[in-house]
All heavy atoms as atom14 arrays in JSON, in Angstrom:
{
  "sequence": "RQTLDEGHEIGVHTFTHADLATVDHRRIDAEL",
  "atom14_mask": [
    [1, 1, 1, 1, 1, 1, 1, 1, 1, 1, 1, 0, 0, 0],
    [1, 1, 1, 1, 1, 1, 1, 1, 1, 0, 0, 0, 0, 0],
    [1, 1, 1, 1, 1, 1, 1, 0, 0, 0, 0, 0, 0, 0],
    [1, 1, 1, 1, 1, 1, 1, 1, 0, 0, 0, 0, 0, 0],
    [1, 1, 1, 1, 1, 1, 1, 1, 0, 0, 0, 0, 0, 0],
    [1, 1, 1, 1, 1, 1, 1, 1, 1, 0, 0, 0, 0, 0],
    [1, 1, 1, 1, 0, 0, 0, 0, 0, 0, 0, 0, 0, 0],
    [1, 1, 1, 1, 1, 1, 1, 1, 1, 1, 0, 0, 0, 0],
    [1, 1, 1, 1, 1, 1, 1, 1, 1, 0, 0, 0, 0, 0],
    [1, 1, 1, 1, 1, 1, 1, 1, 0, 0, 0, 0, 0, 0],
    [1, 1, 1, 1, 0, 0, 0, 0, 0, 0, 0, 0, 0, 0],
    [1, 1, 1, 1, 1, 1, 1, 0, 0, 0, 0, 0, 0, 0],
    [1, 1, 1, 1, 1, 1, 1, 1, 1, 1, 0, 0, 0, 0],
    [1, 1, 1, 1, 1, 1, 1, 0, 0, 0, 0, 0, 0, 0],
    [1, 1, 1, 1, 1, 1, 1, 1, 1, 1, 1, 0, 0, 0],
    [1, 1, 1, 1, 1, 1, 1, 0, 0, 0, 0, 0, 0, 0],
    [1, 1, 1, 1, 1, 1, 1, 1, 1, 1, 0, 0, 0, 0],
    [1, 1, 1, 1, 1, 0, 0, 0, 0, 0, 0, 0, 0, 0],
    [1, 1, 1, 1, 1, 1, 1, 1, 0, 0, 0, 0, 0, 0],
    [1, 1, 1, 1, 1, 1, 1, 1, 0, 0, 0, 0, 0, 0],
    [1, 1, 1, 1, 1, 0, 0, 0, 0, 0, 0, 0, 0, 0],
    [1, 1, 1, 1, 1, 1, 1, 0, 0, 0, 0, 0, 0, 0],
    [1, 1, 1, 1, 1, 1, 1, 0, 0, 0, 0, 0, 0, 0],
    [1, 1, 1, 1, 1, 1, 1, 1, 0, 0, 0, 0, 0, 0],
    [1, 1, 1, 1, 1, 1, 1, 1, 1, 1, 0, 0, 0, 0],
    [1, 1, 1, 1, 1, 1, 1, 1, 1, 1, 1, 0, 0, 0],
    [1, 1, 1, 1, 1, 1, 1, 1, 1, 1, 1, 0, 0, 0],
    [1, 1, 1, 1, 1, 1, 1, 1, 0, 0, 0, 0, 0, 0],
    [1, 1, 1, 1, 1, 1, 1, 1, 0, 0, 0, 0, 0, 0],
    [1, 1, 1, 1, 1, 0, 0, 0, 0, 0, 0, 0, 0, 0],
    [1, 1, 1, 1, 1, 1, 1, 1, 1, 0, 0, 0, 0, 0],
    [1, 1, 1, 1, 1, 1, 1, 1, 0, 0, 0, 0, 0, 0]
  ],
  "atom14_positions": [
    [[-5.37, 8.1, 11.5], [-5.54, 7.82, 12.93], [-7.01, 7.72, 13.28], [-7.43, 6.84, 14.03], [-4.84, 8.91, 13.75], [-5.04, 8.84, 15.25], [-4.71, 7.55, 15.94], [-3.41, 7.01, 15.59], [-3.08, 5.72, 15.73], [-3.93, 4.86, 16.25], [-1.9, 5.29, 15.38], [0.0, 0.0, 0.0], [0.0, 0.0, 0.0], [0.0, 0.0, 0.0]],
    [[-7.84, 8.62, 12.76], [-9.28, 8.58, 13.02], [-9.87, 7.27, 12.53], [-10.69, 6.64, 13.22], [-9.99, 9.75, 12.35], [-11.49, 9.73, 12.53], [-12.21, 10.81, 11.76], [-11.59, 11.69, 11.16], [-13.52, 10.74, 11.75], [0.0, 0.0, 0.0], [0.0, 0.0, 0.0], [0.0, 0.0, 0.0], [0.0, 0.0, 0.0], [0.0, 0.0, 0.0]],
    [[-9.47, 6.85, 11.36], [-9.96, 5.59, 10.79], [-9.64, 4.42, 11.71], [-10.5, 3.59, 12.01], [-9.36, 5.37, 9.39], [-9.7, 6.49, 8.55], [-9.86, 4.09, 8.75], [0.0, 0.0, 0.0], [0.0, 0.0, 0.0], [0.0, 0.0, 0.0], [0.0, 0.0, 0.0], [0.0, 0.0, 0.0], [0.0, 0.0, 0.0], [0.0, 0.0, 0.0]],
    [[-8.41, 4.38, 12.2], [-8.01, 3.31, 13.13], [-8.74, 3.44, 14.46], [-9.22, 2.44, 15.0], [-6.5, 3.37, 13.36], [-5.63, 2.9, 12.2], [-4.17, 3.25, 12.47], [-5.81, 1.42, 11.96], [0.0, 0.0, 0.0], [0.0, 0.0, 0.0], [0.0, 0.0, 0.0], [0.0, 0.0, 0.0], [0.0, 0.0, 0.0], [0.0, 0.0, 0.0]],
    [[-8.82, 4.66, 14.98], [-9.47, 4.88, 16.27], [-10.94, 4.47, 16.27], [-11.49, 4.1, 17.31], [-9.34, 6.34, 16.7], [-7.93, 6.72, 17.12], [-7.09, 5.81, 17.31], [-7.67, 7.93, 17.24], [0.0, 0.0, 0.0], [0.0, 0.0, 0.0], [0.0, 0.0, 0.0], [0.0, 0.0, 0.0], [0.0, 0.0, 0.0], [0.0, 0.0, 0.0]],
    [[-11.57, 4.54, 15.1], [-12.97, 4.16, 15.0], [-13.15, 2.66, 14.76], [-14.26, 2.19, 14.54], [-13.66, 4.99, 13.91], [-13.76, 6.45, 14.32], [-14.57, 7.3, 13.37], [-15.33, 6.76, 12.53], [-14.47, 8.55, 13.47], [0.0, 0.0, 0.0], [0.0, 0.0, 0.0], [0.0, 0.0, 0.0], [0.0, 0.0, 0.0], [0.0, 0.0, 0.0]],
    [[-12.04, 1.92, 14.82], [-12.12, 0.47, 14.78], [-12.01, -0.18, 13.42], [-12.26, -1.38, 13.28], [0.0, 0.0, 0.0], [0.0, 0.0, 0.0], [0.0, 0.0, 0.0], [0.0, 0.0, 0.0], [0.0, 0.0, 0.0], [0.0, 0.0, 0.0], [0.0, 0.0, 0.0], [0.0, 0.0, 0.0], [0.0, 0.0, 0.0], [0.0, 0.0, 0.0]],
    [[-11.61, 0.58, 12.43], [-11.48, 0.04, 11.08], [-10.08, -0.53, 10.87], [-9.14, -0.17, 11.56], [-11.78, 1.13, 10.05], [-13.11, 1.76, 10.23], [-14.29, 1.12, 9.92], [-13.46, 2.97, 10.74], [-15.31, 1.91, 10.21], [-14.84, 3.04, 10.72], [0.0, 0.0, 0.0], [0.0, 0.0, 0.0], [0.0, 0.0, 0.0], [0.0, 0.0, 0.0]],
    [[-9.97, -1.4, 9.9], [-8.68, -1.98, 9.51], [-8.08, -1.14, 8.38], [-8.81, -0.52, 7.6], [-8.85, -3.42, 9.03], [-9.36, -4.36, 10.09], [-8.34, -4.64, 11.17], [-7.12, -4.66, 10.85], [-8.74, -4.86, 12.31], [0.0, 0.0, 0.0], [0.0, 0.0, 0.0], [0.0, 0.0, 0.0], [0.0, 0.0, 0.0], [0.0, 0.0, 0.0]],
    [[-6.75, -1.15, 8.32], [-6.03, -0.45, 7.27], [-5.23, -1.46, 6.47], [-4.53, -2.29, 7.05], [-5.07, 0.61, 7.86], [-5.81, 1.63, 8.69], [-4.22, 1.25, 6.77], [-6.44, 2.75, 7.93], [0.0, 0.0, 0.0], [0.0, 0.0, 0.0], [0.0, 0.0, 0.0], [0.0, 0.0, 0.0], [0.0, 0.0, 0.0], [0.0, 0.0, 0.0]],
    [[-5.34, -1.38, 5.16], [-4.55, -2.21, 4.27], [-3.66, -1.35, 3.39], [-3.93, -0.17, 3.2], [0.0, 0.0, 0.0], [0.0, 0.0, 0.0], [0.0, 0.0, 0.0], [0.0, 0.0, 0.0], [0.0, 0.0, 0.0], [0.0, 0.0, 0.0], [0.0, 0.0, 0.0], [0.0, 0.0, 0.0], [0.0, 0.0, 0.0], [0.0, 0.0, 0.0]],
    [[-2.6, -1.95, 2.89], [-1.63, -1.24, 2.06], [-2.04, -1.34, 0.59], [-2.29, -2.42, 0.07], [-0.23, -1.87, 2.25], [0.77, -1.29, 1.28], [0.24, -1.67, 3.68], [0.0, 0.0, 0.0], [0.0, 0.0, 0.0], [0.0, 0.0, 0.0], [0.0, 0.0, 0.0], [0.0, 0.0, 0.0], [0.0, 0.0, 0.0], [0.0, 0.0, 0.0]],
    [[-2.07, -0.18, -0.06], [-2.42, -0.12, -1.49], [-1.33, 0.63, -2.25], [-1.61, 1.54, -3.01], [-3.78, 0.55, -1.64], [-4.33, 0.53, -3.03], [-4.11, -0.5, -3.91], [-5.11, 1.41, -3.69], [-4.73, -0.23, -5.05], [-5.34, 0.92, -4.94], [0.0, 0.0, 0.0], [0.0, 0.0, 0.0], [0.0, 0.0, 0.0], [0.0, 0.0, 0.0]],
    [[-0.09, 0.29, -1.98], [1.11, 0.9, -2.57], [1.3, 2.33, -2.1], [0.43, 2.9, -1.43], [1.14, 0.84, -4.11], [0.21, 1.75, -4.67], [0.92, -0.56, -4.62], [0.0, 0.0, 0.0], [0.0, 0.0, 0.0], [0.0, 0.0, 0.0], [0.0, 0.0, 0.0], [0.0, 0.0, 0.0], [0.0, 0.0, 0.0], [0.0, 0.0, 0.0]],
    [[2.43, 2.91, -2.46], [2.71, 4.29, -2.06], [2.29, 5.28, -3.13], [1.77, 6.35, -2.84], [4.2, 4.47, -1.74], [4.49, 5.75, -1.03], [4.24, 5.88, 0.33], [4.98, 6.85, -1.71], [4.46, 7.08, 0.99], [5.22, 8.05, -1.06], [4.96, 8.17, 0.29], [0.0, 0.0, 0.0], [0.0, 0.0, 0.0], [0.0, 0.0, 0.0]],
    [[2.5, 4.92, -4.4], [2.22, 5.86, -5.49], [1.1, 5.37, -6.4], [0.87, 5.94, -7.46], [3.47, 6.08, -6.36], [3.81, 4.83, -7.01], [4.63, 6.6, -5.55], [0.0, 0.0, 0.0], [0.0, 0.0, 0.0], [0.0, 0.0, 0.0], [0.0, 0.0, 0.0], [0.0, 0.0, 0.0], [0.0, 0.0, 0.0], [0.0, 0.0, 0.0]],
    [[0.41, 4.32, -6.0], [-0.66, 3.7, -6.79], [-0.1, 3.02, -8.03], [-0.73, 2.96, -9.08], [-1.74, 4.72, -7.15], [-3.06, 4.07, -7.43], [-3.4, 3.56, -8.66], [-4.13, 3.84, -6.64], [-4.6, 3.05, -8.61], [-5.07, 3.2, -7.39], [0.0, 0.0, 0.0], [0.0, 0.0, 0.0], [0.0, 0.0, 0.0], [0.0, 0.0, 0.0]],
    [[1.11, 2.48, -7.91], [1.75, 1.77, -9.02], [0.99, 0.48, -9.32], [0.44, -0.16, -8.42], [3.19, 1.44, -8.67], [0.0, 0.0, 0.0], [0.0, 0.0, 0.0], [0.0, 0.0, 0.0], [0.0, 0.0, 0.0], [0.0, 0.0, 0.0], [0.0, 0.0, 0.0], [0.0, 0.0, 0.0], [0.0, 0.0, 0.0], [0.0, 0.0, 0.0]],
    [[0.99, 0.07, -10.58], [0.43, -1.21, -10.98], [1.48, -2.27, -10.72], [2.46, -2.4, -11.48], [0.05, -1.16, -12.46], [-0.56, -2.46, -12.95], [-0.56, -3.46, -12.21], [-1.04, -2.46, -14.1], [0.0, 0.0, 0.0], [0.0, 0.0, 0.0], [0.0, 0.0, 0.0], [0.0, 0.0, 0.0], [0.0, 0.0, 0.0], [0.0, 0.0, 0.0]],
    [[1.33, -3.02, -9.66], [2.34, -3.98, -9.24], [2.54, -5.11, -10.24], [3.57, -5.79, -10.2], [2.02, -4.53, -7.86], [1.95, -3.51, -6.73], [1.69, -4.2, -5.4], [3.21, -2.66, -6.67], [0.0, 0.0, 0.0], [0.0, 0.0, 0.0], [0.0, 0.0, 0.0], [0.0, 0.0, 0.0], [0.0, 0.0, 0.0], [0.0, 0.0, 0.0]],
    [[1.62, -5.3, -11.14], [1.77, -6.34, -12.16], [2.76, -5.93, -13.24], [3.21, -6.77, -14.02], [0.42, -6.65, -12.8], [0.0, 0.0, 0.0], [0.0, 0.0, 0.0], [0.0, 0.0, 0.0], [0.0, 0.0, 0.0], [0.0, 0.0, 0.0], [0.0, 0.0, 0.0], [0.0, 0.0, 0.0], [0.0, 0.0, 0.0], [0.0, 0.0, 0.0]],
    [[3.13, -4.65, -13.26], [3.98, -4.16, -14.35], [5.34, -3.66, -13.88], [6.1, -3.14, -14.7], [3.28, -3.02, -15.12], [3.1, -1.91, -14.23], [1.95, -3.47, -15.68], [0.0, 0.0, 0.0], [0.0, 0.0, 0.0], [0.0, 0.0, 0.0], [0.0, 0.0, 0.0], [0.0, 0.0, 0.0], [0.0, 0.0, 0.0], [0.0, 0.0, 0.0]],
    [[5.68, -3.82, -12.61], [6.95, -3.3, -12.1], [7.79, -4.46, -11.55], [7.26, -5.52, -11.22], [6.74, -2.23, -11.01], [6.02, -1.01, -11.6], [5.97, -2.76, -9.83], [0.0, 0.0, 0.0], [0.0, 0.0, 0.0], [0.0, 0.0, 0.0], [0.0, 0.0, 0.0], [0.0, 0.0, 0.0], [0.0, 0.0, 0.0], [0.0, 0.0, 0.0]],
    [[9.09, -4.22, -11.43], [9.98, -5.29, -10.94], [9.86, -5.43, -9.42], [9.25, -4.6, -8.75], [11.42, -5.06, -11.37], [12.06, -3.82, -10.76], [11.77, -3.49, -9.6], [12.87, -3.18, -11.45], [0.0, 0.0, 0.0], [0.0, 0.0, 0.0], [0.0, 0.0, 0.0], [0.0, 0.0, 0.0], [0.0, 0.0, 0.0], [0.0, 0.0, 0.0]],
    [[10.45, -6.5, -8.9], [10.28, -6.83, -7.49], [10.86, -5.76, -6.57], [10.36, -5.54, -5.48], [10.88, -8.2, -7.17], [12.36, -8.25, -7.18], [13.1, -8.36, -8.34], [13.25, -8.17, -6.17], [14.38, -8.35, -8.05], [14.51, -8.23, -6.74], [0.0, 0.0, 0.0], [0.0, 0.0, 0.0], [0.0, 0.0, 0.0], [0.0, 0.0, 0.0]],
    [[11.92, -5.05, -6.99], [12.47, -3.98, -6.15], [11.47, -2.85, -5.99], [11.33, -2.29, -4.9], [13.79, -3.46, -6.73], [14.93, -4.46, -6.56], [16.13, -4.0, -7.3], [15.76, -4.11, -8.73], [16.5, -3.7, -9.73], [17.65, -3.12, -9.52], [16.11, -3.87, -10.97], [0.0, 0.0, 0.0], [0.0, 0.0, 0.0], [0.0, 0.0, 0.0]],
    [[10.78, -2.51, -7.04], [9.77, -1.45, -6.98], [8.6, -1.89, -6.1], [8.07, -1.11, -5.3], [9.29, -1.09, -8.38], [8.13, -0.12, -8.44], [8.53, 1.32, -8.22], [7.41, 2.22, -8.2], [6.89, 2.82, -9.26], [7.38, 2.62, -10.46], [5.87, 3.63, -9.13], [0.0, 0.0, 0.0], [0.0, 0.0, 0.0], [0.0, 0.0, 0.0]],
    [[8.21, -3.15, -6.22], [7.13, -3.67, -5.37], [7.52, -3.56, -3.9], [6.75, -3.07, -3.08], [6.78, -5.13, -5.74], [6.15, -5.18, -7.13], [5.86, -5.75, -4.69], [6.0, -6.58, -7.68], [0.0, 0.0, 0.0], [0.0, 0.0, 0.0], [0.0, 0.0, 0.0], [0.0, 0.0, 0.0], [0.0, 0.0, 0.0], [0.0, 0.0, 0.0]],
    [[8.73, -4.03, -3.58], [9.2, -3.95, -2.2], [9.21, -2.51, -1.7], [8.8, -2.23, -0.57], [10.6, -4.55, -2.06], [10.62, -6.05, -2.21], [9.54, -6.69, -2.13], [11.72, -6.6, -2.43], [0.0, 0.0, 0.0], [0.0, 0.0, 0.0], [0.0, 0.0, 0.0], [0.0, 0.0, 0.0], [0.0, 0.0, 0.0], [0.0, 0.0, 0.0]],
    [[9.68, -1.59, -2.55], [9.74, -0.18, -2.16], [8.34, 0.38, -1.93], [8.09, 1.07, -0.94], [10.48, 0.63, -3.21], [0.0, 0.0, 0.0], [0.0, 0.0, 0.0], [0.0, 0.0, 0.0], [0.0, 0.0, 0.0], [0.0, 0.0, 0.0], [0.0, 0.0, 0.0], [0.0, 0.0, 0.0], [0.0, 0.0, 0.0], [0.0, 0.0, 0.0]],
    [[7.42, 0.11, -2.84], [6.05, 0.61, -2.72], [5.42, 0.16, -1.41], [4.81, 0.96, -0.7], [5.2, 0.13, -3.9], [5.51, 0.78, -5.22], [4.97, 2.17, -5.36], [4.02, 2.55, -4.65], [5.5, 2.91, -6.21], [0.0, 0.0, 0.0], [0.0, 0.0, 0.0], [0.0, 0.0, 0.0], [0.0, 0.0, 0.0], [0.0, 0.0, 0.0]],
    [[5.57, -1.11, -1.08], [4.95, -1.64, 0.13], [5.67, -1.15, 1.38], [5.03, -0.8, 2.37], [4.89, -3.16, 0.06], [4.08, -3.72, -1.12], [4.15, -5.23, -1.13], [2.65, -3.25, -1.1], [0.0, 0.0, 0.0], [0.0, 0.0, 0.0], [0.0, 0.0, 0.0], [0.0, 0.0, 0.0], [0.0, 0.0, 0.0], [0.0, 0.0, 0.0]]
  ]
}
């Protein structure tokens, strides 16, 4: 919240730091 309140943008970098190049599409969808 502080990061957003100070005007910064937030991007998604998975939930568990999974390597998306090595997992199936269901795992990618779940992570995001």
